[in-house]
Structure formats: C-alpha cells, structure tokens
C-alpha cells in the first residue's frame, strides 16, 4: 500500500528543480535566537526577511517607497530564504508533510489595503513547491517597521515526517 502523504511530500525537491528555482544560502540569525525549533512533528521557523547573504534585497515600506508588486517580490525572496532554512534544518524539503501556518508581516505606509496581494507572493511560492494539498492557513498583518528596514517578514510552521 502506498503512503499518500509520503508520495506527496517526495515531490517538493523535484518541484524546485522543475521550476528552475535555486535556493539562496540558508540565512543566519541576526541576534540571539535559532532559525528553527522542533517540537513533536512541528517545526517553527523564526521570522525570515528578504535578505540574501545578510544583505537586504528590499528596503522601505509598501505603499510608500515600494509598490505592492515590490512587496510581493520581497515576500517571494523571504520565502526562498525560509525554504533554504527549512532544507538546511530538515536535510530535505521532501520531509514536509504540510505547511501548517504562514505569517506575513508587511511594513506599510498610510492606508495601504492590498496586504493579501503582497502576501500571495509567499503563499504562491509555497503552493508551487509543496502543492495545493499542503497549502497553509495564514495571517497577514500590516506593521509600521520591520528589522533592517525591510518591507516583509514571514514565519511558518511545518509538519514533518521523521
């Protein structure tokens, strides 16, 4: 009998290859914390920024110096860093059973209202890598400022196989 969860999970690394996505180097903490911590079958990842090699790729606030499309691209970049951290922690993204929760924090100006469109940059990247059957619930928040002046911070919780 085929374990359907395992069959679904086995495709994440292949999907990255098929999509032509190369993950950046895994991020390293900017302070006194760890990138990931596991309890049972859940792995909680610290906030991930649109930073590659410790350098922000986007600076500013969405609805001010950055457009919603800039924010969406920043969310994609932060998600790629998060996937790199997950791969490093787990050894392979094929161990992911499902993305349990995605949190997207967006530094915004004024009365910006397109938070869902910006957050879709992260959600759609996870959808491409893990498939619809493992898509998460999510929370999207607009905030005044984020670390390093970046417009996006994401966090997620993954359910994993042993």
Protein backbone atom coordinates (compact mmCIF):
# COMPACT_ATOMS: atom_id res chain seq x y z
CA UNK A 1 0.00 0.00 0.00
CA UNK A 2 1.30 3.48 -0.91
CA UNK A 3 1.67 6.09 1.83
CA UNK A 4 -0.04 9.04 0.11
CA UNK A 5 1.47 11.60 2.48
CA UNK A 6 4.95 10.34 1.68
CA UNK A 7 4.21 10.24 -2.07
CA UNK A 8 3.02 13.86 -1.93
CA UNK A 9 5.96 15.01 0.21
CA UNK A 10 8.53 13.34 -2.04
CA UNK A 11 7.88 15.83 -4.79
CA UNK A 12 9.00 19.12 -3.14
CA UNK A 13 12.68 18.88 -4.10
CA UNK A 14 11.69 17.75 -7.59
CA UNK A 15 9.29 20.67 -7.96
CA UNK A 16 12.11 23.09 -7.12
CA UNK A 17 14.20 21.52 -9.89
CA UNK A 18 11.32 21.53 -12.37
CA UNK A 19 10.61 25.20 -11.62
CA UNK A 20 14.29 26.08 -12.06
CA UNK A 21 14.42 27.52 -8.53
CA UNK A 22 17.80 27.63 -6.84
CA UNK A 23 17.56 28.38 -3.16
CA UNK A 24 19.90 31.01 -1.70
CA UNK A 25 22.35 30.13 1.07
CA UNK A 26 20.47 29.47 4.32
CA UNK A 27 20.10 32.60 6.46
CA UNK A 28 21.95 33.05 9.72
CA UNK A 29 20.49 34.74 12.79
CA UNK A 30 20.95 38.47 13.26
CA UNK A 31 20.70 38.05 17.04
CA UNK A 32 20.43 35.62 19.94
CA UNK A 33 17.92 33.11 18.56
CA UNK A 34 17.79 29.99 16.39
CA UNK A 35 16.31 29.78 12.90
CA UNK A 36 14.17 26.73 13.73
CA UNK A 37 12.98 24.68 16.66
CA UNK A 38 11.13 21.39 16.60
CA UNK A 39 8.54 20.06 18.99
CA UNK A 40 6.98 16.74 18.06
CA UNK A 41 6.16 16.76 14.35
CA UNK A 42 6.07 20.55 14.13
CA UNK A 43 8.99 22.80 13.19
CA UNK A 44 8.61 26.51 13.98
CA UNK A 45 10.78 28.84 11.92
CA UNK A 46 11.87 32.28 13.08
CA UNK A 47 10.94 35.31 11.03
CA UNK A 48 12.59 35.31 7.62
CA UNK A 49 13.44 38.51 5.81
CA UNK A 50 14.08 39.27 2.12
CA UNK A 51 17.79 39.05 2.83
CA UNK A 52 20.43 37.13 0.86
CA UNK A 53 23.96 36.76 2.27
CA UNK A 54 22.97 39.06 5.17
CA UNK A 55 22.09 41.89 2.75
CA UNK A 56 18.52 43.20 2.40
CA UNK A 57 17.20 42.91 -1.16
CA UNK A 58 14.36 45.37 -0.50
CA UNK A 59 14.23 48.41 1.81
CA UNK A 60 11.21 50.58 2.52
CA UNK A 61 7.50 50.33 3.16
CA UNK A 62 4.84 49.05 0.80
CA UNK A 63 2.50 51.82 -0.29
CA UNK A 64 5.30 54.35 0.21
CA UNK A 65 8.66 53.88 -1.47
CA UNK A 66 7.68 50.37 -2.61
CA UNK A 67 4.74 49.20 -4.72
CA UNK A 68 2.54 46.22 -3.94
CA UNK A 69 4.45 44.33 -6.68
CA UNK A 70 7.76 45.18 -4.95
CA UNK A 71 6.28 43.83 -1.72
CA UNK A 72 5.16 40.67 -3.48
CA UNK A 73 8.67 40.11 -4.83
CA UNK A 74 10.12 40.76 -1.37
CA UNK A 75 7.72 38.13 0.01
CA UNK A 76 8.95 35.65 -2.62
CA UNK A 77 12.57 36.40 -1.67
CA UNK A 78 11.84 35.94 2.05
CA UNK A 79 10.09 32.66 1.26
CA UNK A 80 13.10 31.38 -0.68
CA UNK A 81 15.27 32.14 2.35
CA UNK A 82 12.75 30.33 4.55
CA UNK A 83 12.83 27.31 2.26
CA UNK A 84 16.64 27.34 2.38
CA UNK A 85 16.49 27.39 6.18
CA UNK A 86 13.96 24.54 6.14
CA UNK A 87 16.11 22.45 3.80
CA UNK A 88 19.17 23.01 5.97
CA UNK A 89 17.31 22.13 9.17
CA UNK A 90 15.48 19.10 7.75
CA UNK A 91 18.05 17.84 5.25
CA UNK A 92 15.38 17.80 2.52
CA UNK A 93 12.10 19.57 1.82
CA UNK A 94 10.69 16.14 1.00
CA UNK A 95 10.20 15.62 4.75
CA UNK A 96 7.49 18.29 4.82
CA UNK A 97 4.02 16.80 5.30
CA UNK A 98 2.27 20.17 5.21
CA UNK A 99 2.72 23.87 5.77
CA UNK A 100 0.60 24.35 8.88
CA UNK A 101 0.68 28.13 9.15
CA UNK A 102 2.18 31.07 7.30
CA UNK A 103 2.51 34.51 8.87
CA UNK A 104 3.27 37.51 6.64
CA UNK A 105 4.15 40.86 8.20
CA UNK A 106 4.19 43.81 5.83
CA UNK A 107 5.68 47.22 6.66
CA UNK A 108 3.18 49.63 5.10
CA UNK A 109 2.53 53.33 4.68
CA UNK A 110 -0.71 55.19 5.25
CA UNK A 111 -3.90 53.40 4.35
CA UNK A 112 -2.41 50.68 2.15
CA UNK A 113 -5.02 47.91 1.72
CA UNK A 114 -3.60 45.30 -0.67
CA UNK A 115 -1.99 43.15 2.03
CA UNK A 116 -3.43 39.90 0.61
CA UNK A 117 -1.91 40.55 -2.83
CA UNK A 118 1.51 41.14 -1.28
CA UNK A 119 1.24 38.06 0.97
CA UNK A 120 0.33 35.95 -2.06
CA UNK A 121 3.99 36.25 -3.11
CA UNK A 122 4.81 33.94 -0.17
CA UNK A 123 1.71 31.75 -0.40
CA UNK A 124 2.07 31.14 -4.12
CA UNK A 125 5.75 30.23 -3.77
CA UNK A 126 4.81 27.63 -1.13
CA UNK A 127 1.98 26.42 -3.37
CA UNK A 128 4.40 25.89 -6.26
CA UNK A 129 6.87 23.97 -4.11
CA UNK A 130 4.53 21.91 -1.92
CA UNK A 131 1.31 21.69 -3.93
CA UNK A 132 -2.27 22.64 -3.14
CA UNK A 133 -2.82 19.70 -0.78
CA UNK A 134 -0.22 21.15 1.61
CA UNK A 135 -1.21 24.83 1.40
CA UNK A 136 -1.41 26.54 4.78
CA UNK A 137 -3.66 28.79 6.72
CA UNK A 138 -2.17 32.25 7.07
CA UNK A 139 -2.23 35.51 8.94
CA UNK A 140 -1.32 38.79 7.24
CA UNK A 141 -0.53 41.92 9.24
CA UNK A 142 0.44 45.46 8.32
CA UNK A 143 3.07 46.95 10.64
CA UNK A 144 4.92 50.26 10.90
CA UNK A 145 8.50 48.92 10.75
CA UNK A 146 10.45 45.68 10.40
CA UNK A 147 14.08 44.78 11.17
CA UNK A 148 16.75 46.27 8.89
CA UNK A 149 14.14 48.47 7.21
CA UNK A 150 12.82 45.59 5.06
CA UNK A 151 9.18 45.54 3.91
CA UNK A 152 8.40 41.87 4.63
CA UNK A 153 8.94 39.28 7.32
CA UNK A 154 7.48 35.79 7.07
CA UNK A 155 7.29 32.94 9.51
CA UNK A 156 5.93 29.47 9.09
CA UNK A 157 5.24 26.24 10.88
CA UNK A 158 5.83 22.93 9.11
CA UNK A 159 4.59 19.46 9.95
CA UNK A 160 7.35 16.98 9.16
CA UNK A 161 7.92 13.25 8.90
CA UNK A 162 10.59 11.52 10.91
